[in-house]
């Protein structure tokens, strides 16, 4: 999900631009062909990250619940609509981020790390 970053007085368009730049940096390792095909996913993820930030700000101000009145006799407290939207949007955001992350090149775990001489140093000590 988006970092818990404070964007101050930035507009939503500025936040989206910053998030898009961040995501493009993270997914810069994608092959050129793949990168072209996922640019719309990056755009959507940037929009969602900015929207999640906005919703968090609203929820922090209003709280998680709101009062409602349906007719003369039915009233109470319910989850506020921003919380509902936040929950759904965060699920969709995580889904897009997972799709993008799954496209990143996998590190070859079968390669042995370069020998830095540490084992020879430890094993060659006389006090051990």
N, C-alpha and C. Protein backbone atom coordinates (compact mmCIF):
# COMPACT_ATOMS: atom_id res chain seq x y z
N UNK A 1 0.84 -1.15 0.00
CA UNK A 1 0.00 0.00 0.00
C UNK A 1 0.89 1.22 0.00
N UNK A 2 0.28 2.41 -0.18
CA UNK A 2 1.04 3.63 -0.20
C UNK A 2 1.71 3.86 1.14
N UNK A 3 2.89 4.48 1.08
CA UNK A 3 3.57 4.83 2.31
C UNK A 3 2.68 5.72 3.15
N UNK A 4 2.87 5.66 4.44
CA UNK A 4 2.13 6.54 5.33
C UNK A 4 2.85 7.88 5.33
N UNK A 5 2.83 8.52 4.19
CA UNK A 5 3.57 9.75 3.96
C UNK A 5 2.61 10.91 4.05
N UNK A 6 3.08 12.01 4.53
CA UNK A 6 2.28 13.22 4.57
C UNK A 6 2.61 14.03 3.33
N UNK A 7 1.59 14.35 2.57
CA UNK A 7 1.78 15.10 1.34
C UNK A 7 1.52 16.59 1.53
N UNK A 8 1.26 16.99 2.76
CA UNK A 8 1.05 18.42 3.03
C UNK A 8 -0.09 18.99 2.22
N UNK A 9 0.19 20.07 1.53
CA UNK A 9 -0.84 20.76 0.75
C UNK A 9 -0.78 20.42 -0.73
N UNK A 10 -0.22 19.27 -1.06
CA UNK A 10 -0.14 18.87 -2.47
C UNK A 10 -1.54 18.56 -3.01
N UNK A 11 -1.74 18.86 -4.28
CA UNK A 11 -3.00 18.50 -4.92
C UNK A 11 -3.00 17.01 -5.22
N UNK A 12 -4.17 16.48 -5.51
CA UNK A 12 -4.26 15.05 -5.83
C UNK A 12 -3.42 14.73 -7.07
N UNK A 13 -3.44 15.63 -8.06
CA UNK A 13 -2.65 15.42 -9.28
C UNK A 13 -1.15 15.35 -8.95
N UNK A 14 -0.69 16.19 -8.02
CA UNK A 14 0.72 16.17 -7.61
C UNK A 14 1.06 14.88 -6.87
N UNK A 15 0.14 14.43 -6.03
CA UNK A 15 0.36 13.18 -5.30
C UNK A 15 0.43 12.02 -6.28
N UNK A 16 -0.49 12.00 -7.25
CA UNK A 16 -0.48 10.93 -8.26
C UNK A 16 0.84 10.94 -9.02
N UNK A 17 1.31 12.13 -9.40
CA UNK A 17 2.57 12.24 -10.13
C UNK A 17 3.73 11.69 -9.30
N UNK A 18 3.77 12.02 -8.02
CA UNK A 18 4.83 11.53 -7.14
C UNK A 18 4.75 10.01 -6.96
N UNK A 19 3.55 9.50 -6.76
CA UNK A 19 3.37 8.05 -6.61
C UNK A 19 3.76 7.32 -7.89
N UNK A 20 3.39 7.89 -9.03
CA UNK A 20 3.73 7.27 -10.32
C UNK A 20 5.24 7.22 -10.50
N UNK A 21 5.93 8.30 -10.14
CA UNK A 21 7.40 8.33 -10.24
C UNK A 21 8.01 7.27 -9.32
N UNK A 22 7.45 7.15 -8.11
CA UNK A 22 7.96 6.14 -7.17
C UNK A 22 7.76 4.74 -7.73
N UNK A 23 6.58 4.46 -8.25
CA UNK A 23 6.29 3.13 -8.79
C UNK A 23 7.13 2.85 -10.04
N UNK A 24 7.30 3.84 -10.90
CA UNK A 24 8.14 3.64 -12.08
C UNK A 24 9.57 3.32 -11.67
N UNK A 25 10.04 3.92 -10.57
CA UNK A 25 11.38 3.61 -10.08
C UNK A 25 11.48 2.18 -9.56
N UNK A 26 10.46 1.76 -8.84
CA UNK A 26 10.45 0.41 -8.28
C UNK A 26 10.40 -0.63 -9.39
N UNK A 27 9.60 -0.36 -10.40
CA UNK A 27 9.40 -1.34 -11.46
C UNK A 27 10.24 -1.04 -12.70
N UNK A 28 11.32 -0.28 -12.52
CA UNK A 28 12.21 0.05 -13.63
C UNK A 28 12.92 -1.19 -14.18
N UNK A 29 13.03 -2.24 -13.37
CA UNK A 29 13.73 -3.46 -13.79
C UNK A 29 12.92 -4.30 -14.77
N UNK A 30 11.67 -3.93 -14.99
CA UNK A 30 10.84 -4.69 -15.94
C UNK A 30 11.41 -4.53 -17.34
N UNK A 31 11.25 -5.59 -18.14
CA UNK A 31 11.68 -5.51 -19.53
C UNK A 31 10.85 -4.44 -20.23
N UNK A 32 11.41 -3.84 -21.28
CA UNK A 32 10.75 -2.73 -21.99
C UNK A 32 9.35 -3.12 -22.49
N UNK A 33 9.23 -4.32 -23.06
CA UNK A 33 7.92 -4.78 -23.56
C UNK A 33 6.91 -4.88 -22.42
N UNK A 34 7.33 -5.47 -21.33
CA UNK A 34 6.45 -5.65 -20.17
C UNK A 34 6.09 -4.29 -19.58
N UNK A 35 7.07 -3.41 -19.52
CA UNK A 35 6.85 -2.09 -18.93
C UNK A 35 5.76 -1.32 -19.68
N UNK A 36 5.77 -1.42 -21.02
CA UNK A 36 4.74 -0.75 -21.81
C UNK A 36 3.36 -1.31 -21.49
N UNK A 37 3.28 -2.62 -21.34
CA UNK A 37 1.97 -3.24 -21.12
C UNK A 37 1.44 -3.01 -19.71
N UNK A 38 2.29 -2.65 -18.76
CA UNK A 38 1.81 -2.44 -17.39
C UNK A 38 1.72 -0.97 -17.01
N UNK A 39 1.96 -0.08 -17.95
CA UNK A 39 1.92 1.34 -17.62
C UNK A 39 0.54 1.75 -17.10
N UNK A 40 -0.51 1.15 -17.63
CA UNK A 40 -1.86 1.48 -17.13
C UNK A 40 -2.05 0.98 -15.70
N UNK A 41 -1.44 -0.16 -15.37
CA UNK A 41 -1.50 -0.66 -13.98
C UNK A 41 -0.78 0.31 -13.04
N UNK A 42 0.35 0.83 -13.48
CA UNK A 42 1.09 1.79 -12.67
C UNK A 42 0.27 3.06 -12.49
N UNK A 43 -0.38 3.51 -13.56
CA UNK A 43 -1.25 4.69 -13.47
C UNK A 43 -2.37 4.47 -12.46
N UNK A 44 -3.01 3.30 -12.53
CA UNK A 44 -4.11 2.99 -11.61
C UNK A 44 -3.61 2.90 -10.17
N UNK A 45 -2.46 2.26 -9.99
CA UNK A 45 -1.90 2.13 -8.64
C UNK A 45 -1.56 3.51 -8.06
N UNK A 46 -1.03 4.40 -8.88
CA UNK A 46 -0.70 5.75 -8.42
C UNK A 46 -1.98 6.50 -8.02
N UNK A 47 -3.01 6.38 -8.84
CA UNK A 47 -4.29 7.02 -8.53
C UNK A 47 -4.86 6.46 -7.22
N UNK A 48 -4.82 5.14 -7.08
CA UNK A 48 -5.35 4.51 -5.87
C UNK A 48 -4.56 4.91 -4.63
N UNK A 49 -3.24 4.99 -4.75
CA UNK A 49 -2.41 5.40 -3.61
C UNK A 49 -2.78 6.81 -3.17
N UNK A 50 -2.96 7.70 -4.13
CA UNK A 50 -3.35 9.08 -3.80
C UNK A 50 -4.75 9.11 -3.18
N UNK A 51 -5.64 8.31 -3.72
CA UNK A 51 -7.01 8.26 -3.19
C UNK A 51 -7.03 7.68 -1.78
N UNK A 52 -6.22 6.67 -1.55
CA UNK A 52 -6.14 6.09 -0.21
C UNK A 52 -5.61 7.11 0.78
N UNK A 53 -4.64 7.90 0.36
CA UNK A 53 -4.13 8.96 1.23
C UNK A 53 -5.25 9.95 1.57
N UNK A 54 -5.99 10.37 0.56
CA UNK A 54 -7.11 11.30 0.78
C UNK A 54 -8.14 10.71 1.75
N UNK A 55 -8.49 9.46 1.51
CA UNK A 55 -9.47 8.81 2.38
C UNK A 55 -8.97 8.69 3.81
N UNK A 56 -7.69 8.38 4.00
CA UNK A 56 -7.12 8.30 5.35
C UNK A 56 -7.26 9.64 6.06
N UNK A 57 -6.99 10.72 5.34
CA UNK A 57 -7.12 12.05 5.93
C UNK A 57 -8.57 12.31 6.36
N UNK A 58 -9.53 11.95 5.53
CA UNK A 58 -10.94 12.15 5.85
C UNK A 58 -11.33 11.30 7.06
N UNK A 59 -10.91 10.04 7.06
CA UNK A 59 -11.23 9.13 8.16
C UNK A 59 -10.60 9.63 9.46
N UNK A 60 -9.38 10.13 9.38
CA UNK A 60 -8.73 10.67 10.58
C UNK A 60 -9.50 11.85 11.15
N UNK A 61 -10.09 12.66 10.28
CA UNK A 61 -10.88 13.81 10.73
C UNK A 61 -12.26 13.40 11.25
N UNK A 62 -12.97 12.56 10.48
CA UNK A 62 -14.35 12.21 10.80
C UNK A 62 -14.49 11.04 11.76
N UNK A 63 -13.53 10.14 11.75
CA UNK A 63 -13.65 8.91 12.52
C UNK A 63 -14.17 7.78 11.63
N UNK A 64 -14.36 6.63 12.24
CA UNK A 64 -14.74 5.43 11.50
C UNK A 64 -16.24 5.23 11.39
N UNK A 65 -16.99 5.93 12.20
CA UNK A 65 -18.44 5.73 12.21
C UNK A 65 -19.16 7.06 11.98
N UNK A 66 -20.42 6.96 11.60
CA UNK A 66 -21.26 8.14 11.43
C UNK A 66 -22.68 7.80 11.87
N UNK A 67 -23.38 8.80 12.28
CA UNK A 67 -24.78 8.63 12.69
C UNK A 67 -25.65 8.59 11.45
N UNK A 68 -26.75 7.83 11.53
CA UNK A 68 -27.70 7.83 10.42
C UNK A 68 -29.11 7.91 10.97
N UNK A 69 -30.02 8.39 10.11
CA UNK A 69 -31.44 8.51 10.46
C UNK A 69 -32.25 8.06 9.25
N UNK A 70 -32.94 6.94 9.37
CA UNK A 70 -33.82 6.44 8.32
C UNK A 70 -35.25 6.58 8.81
N UNK A 71 -35.91 7.59 8.37
CA UNK A 71 -37.29 7.79 8.81
C UNK A 71 -37.35 8.29 10.24
N UNK A 72 -38.54 8.18 10.82
CA UNK A 72 -38.77 8.73 12.16
C UNK A 72 -38.24 7.83 13.27
N UNK A 73 -38.25 6.52 13.06
CA UNK A 73 -37.94 5.62 14.18
C UNK A 73 -36.63 4.86 14.04
N UNK A 74 -35.98 4.95 12.92
CA UNK A 74 -34.77 4.15 12.73
C UNK A 74 -33.54 5.07 12.66
N UNK A 75 -32.67 4.92 13.65
CA UNK A 75 -31.43 5.69 13.67
C UNK A 75 -30.37 4.87 14.37
N UNK A 76 -29.15 5.31 14.24
CA UNK A 76 -28.06 4.59 14.89
C UNK A 76 -26.72 5.03 14.37
N UNK A 77 -25.74 4.15 14.53
CA UNK A 77 -24.37 4.41 14.09
C UNK A 77 -23.98 3.35 13.09
N UNK A 78 -23.29 3.77 12.06
CA UNK A 78 -22.82 2.81 11.05
C UNK A 78 -21.40 3.18 10.65
N UNK A 79 -20.74 2.24 9.98
CA UNK A 79 -19.41 2.50 9.44
C UNK A 79 -19.55 3.61 8.40
N UNK A 80 -18.67 4.59 8.45
CA UNK A 80 -18.81 5.70 7.50
C UNK A 80 -18.46 5.23 6.08
N UNK A 81 -19.03 5.90 5.12
CA UNK A 81 -18.87 5.49 3.72
C UNK A 81 -17.41 5.55 3.27
N UNK A 82 -16.63 6.48 3.81
CA UNK A 82 -15.21 6.56 3.45
C UNK A 82 -14.45 5.30 3.88
N UNK A 83 -14.85 4.71 5.00
CA UNK A 83 -14.21 3.48 5.45
C UNK A 83 -14.52 2.35 4.47
N UNK A 84 -15.76 2.27 4.02
CA UNK A 84 -16.16 1.24 3.05
C UNK A 84 -15.34 1.37 1.77
N UNK A 85 -15.24 2.59 1.28
CA UNK A 85 -14.48 2.85 0.06
C UNK A 85 -13.00 2.54 0.28
N UNK A 86 -12.47 2.94 1.43
CA UNK A 86 -11.06 2.70 1.75
C UNK A 86 -10.75 1.20 1.74
N UNK A 87 -11.61 0.42 2.35
CA UNK A 87 -11.38 -1.03 2.42
C UNK A 87 -11.34 -1.63 1.02
N UNK A 88 -12.32 -1.29 0.19
CA UNK A 88 -12.37 -1.84 -1.16
C UNK A 88 -11.20 -1.36 -2.01
N UNK A 89 -10.89 -0.09 -1.91
CA UNK A 89 -9.80 0.47 -2.69
C UNK A 89 -8.46 -0.12 -2.28
N UNK A 90 -8.26 -0.34 -0.98
CA UNK A 90 -6.99 -0.90 -0.53
C UNK A 90 -6.83 -2.34 -1.02
N UNK A 91 -7.91 -3.10 -1.08
CA UNK A 91 -7.84 -4.46 -1.64
C UNK A 91 -7.46 -4.42 -3.11
N UNK A 92 -8.07 -3.52 -3.86
CA UNK A 92 -7.76 -3.40 -5.28
C UNK A 92 -6.32 -2.92 -5.49
N UNK A 93 -5.88 -1.99 -4.65
CA UNK A 93 -4.51 -1.49 -4.73
C UNK A 93 -3.52 -2.62 -4.49
N UNK A 94 -3.75 -3.40 -3.46
CA UNK A 94 -2.84 -4.51 -3.15
C UNK A 94 -2.83 -5.54 -4.28
N UNK A 95 -3.96 -5.75 -4.92
CA UNK A 95 -4.03 -6.68 -6.04
C UNK A 95 -3.17 -6.19 -7.20
N UNK A 96 -3.24 -4.90 -7.51
CA UNK A 96 -2.43 -4.34 -8.59
C UNK A 96 -0.95 -4.41 -8.24
N UNK A 97 -0.60 -4.07 -7.01
CA UNK A 97 0.80 -4.11 -6.59
C UNK A 97 1.33 -5.55 -6.67
N UNK A 98 0.51 -6.52 -6.30
CA UNK A 98 0.93 -7.93 -6.41
C UNK A 98 1.16 -8.31 -7.86
N UNK A 99 0.25 -7.89 -8.75
CA UNK A 99 0.43 -8.17 -10.17
C UNK A 99 1.74 -7.59 -10.68
N UNK A 100 2.01 -6.35 -10.30
CA UNK A 100 3.25 -5.71 -10.74
C UNK A 100 4.48 -6.40 -10.16
N UNK A 101 4.42 -6.74 -8.89
CA UNK A 101 5.55 -7.38 -8.22
C UNK A 101 5.83 -8.76 -8.81
N UNK A 102 4.78 -9.48 -9.17
CA UNK A 102 4.96 -10.79 -9.78
C UNK A 102 5.66 -10.71 -11.14
N UNK A 103 5.62 -9.55 -11.77
CA UNK A 103 6.28 -9.37 -13.06
C UNK A 103 7.76 -9.04 -12.94
N UNK A 104 8.20 -8.66 -11.73
CA UNK A 104 9.62 -8.33 -11.54
C UNK A 104 10.48 -9.56 -11.78
N UNK A 105 11.68 -9.37 -12.31
CA UNK A 105 12.57 -10.52 -12.51
C UNK A 105 12.91 -11.16 -11.17
N UNK A 106 12.87 -12.47 -11.15
CA UNK A 106 13.18 -13.21 -9.93
C UNK A 106 14.69 -13.31 -9.78
N UNK A 107 15.16 -13.12 -8.56
CA UNK A 107 16.58 -13.27 -8.28
C UNK A 107 16.92 -14.75 -8.40
N UNK A 108 18.06 -15.05 -8.99
CA UNK A 108 18.49 -16.43 -9.12
C UNK A 108 19.07 -16.90 -7.80
N UNK A 109 18.28 -17.67 -7.06
CA UNK A 109 18.68 -18.12 -5.73
C UNK A 109 19.67 -19.29 -5.78
N UNK A 110 19.90 -19.87 -6.97
CA UNK A 110 20.82 -20.99 -7.07
C UNK A 110 22.27 -20.53 -7.14
N UNK A 111 22.49 -19.26 -7.47
CA UNK A 111 23.85 -18.75 -7.54
C UNK A 111 24.43 -18.65 -6.13
N UNK A 112 25.66 -19.08 -5.99
CA UNK A 112 26.35 -18.97 -4.72
C UNK A 112 26.90 -17.56 -4.58
N UNK A 113 26.86 -17.02 -3.38
CA UNK A 113 27.43 -15.69 -3.20
C UNK A 113 28.93 -15.71 -3.45
N UNK A 114 29.46 -14.57 -3.88
CA UNK A 114 30.89 -14.45 -4.15
C UNK A 114 31.67 -14.71 -2.86
N UNK A 115 32.74 -15.49 -2.97
CA UNK A 115 33.58 -15.80 -1.81
C UNK A 115 34.33 -14.54 -1.40
N UNK A 116 34.05 -14.08 -0.18
CA UNK A 116 34.70 -12.87 0.30
C UNK A 116 35.90 -13.17 1.19
N UNK A 117 36.24 -14.44 1.38
CA UNK A 117 37.40 -14.82 2.16
C UNK A 117 37.15 -14.92 3.66
N UNK A 118 35.92 -14.62 4.09
CA UNK A 118 35.63 -14.64 5.52
C UNK A 118 35.78 -16.04 6.11
N UNK A 119 35.24 -17.06 5.42
CA UNK A 119 35.34 -18.43 5.94
C UNK A 119 36.80 -18.87 6.08
N UNK A 120 37.64 -18.53 5.10
CA UNK A 120 39.06 -18.88 5.18
C UNK A 120 39.72 -18.17 6.36
N UNK A 121 39.35 -16.93 6.59
CA UNK A 121 39.90 -16.17 7.71
C UNK A 121 39.53 -16.83 9.03
N UNK A 122 38.25 -17.16 9.21
CA UNK A 122 37.80 -17.76 10.47
C UNK A 122 38.43 -19.13 10.66
N UNK A 123 38.42 -19.94 9.62
CA UNK A 123 38.97 -21.29 9.72
C UNK A 123 40.49 -21.32 9.85
N UNK A 124 41.17 -20.28 9.43
CA UNK A 124 42.62 -20.21 9.49
C UNK A 124 43.15 -19.66 10.79
N UNK A 125 42.28 -19.21 11.66
CA UNK A 125 42.73 -18.64 12.94
C UNK A 125 43.25 -19.74 13.83
N UNK A 126 44.31 -19.47 14.58
CA UNK A 126 44.90 -20.47 15.47
C UNK A 126 44.19 -20.53 16.80
N UNK A 127 43.47 -19.46 17.21
CA UNK A 127 42.85 -19.44 18.51
C UNK A 127 41.48 -20.12 18.52
N UNK A 128 41.06 -20.66 17.42
CA UNK A 128 39.73 -21.29 17.35
C UNK A 128 39.86 -22.76 17.58
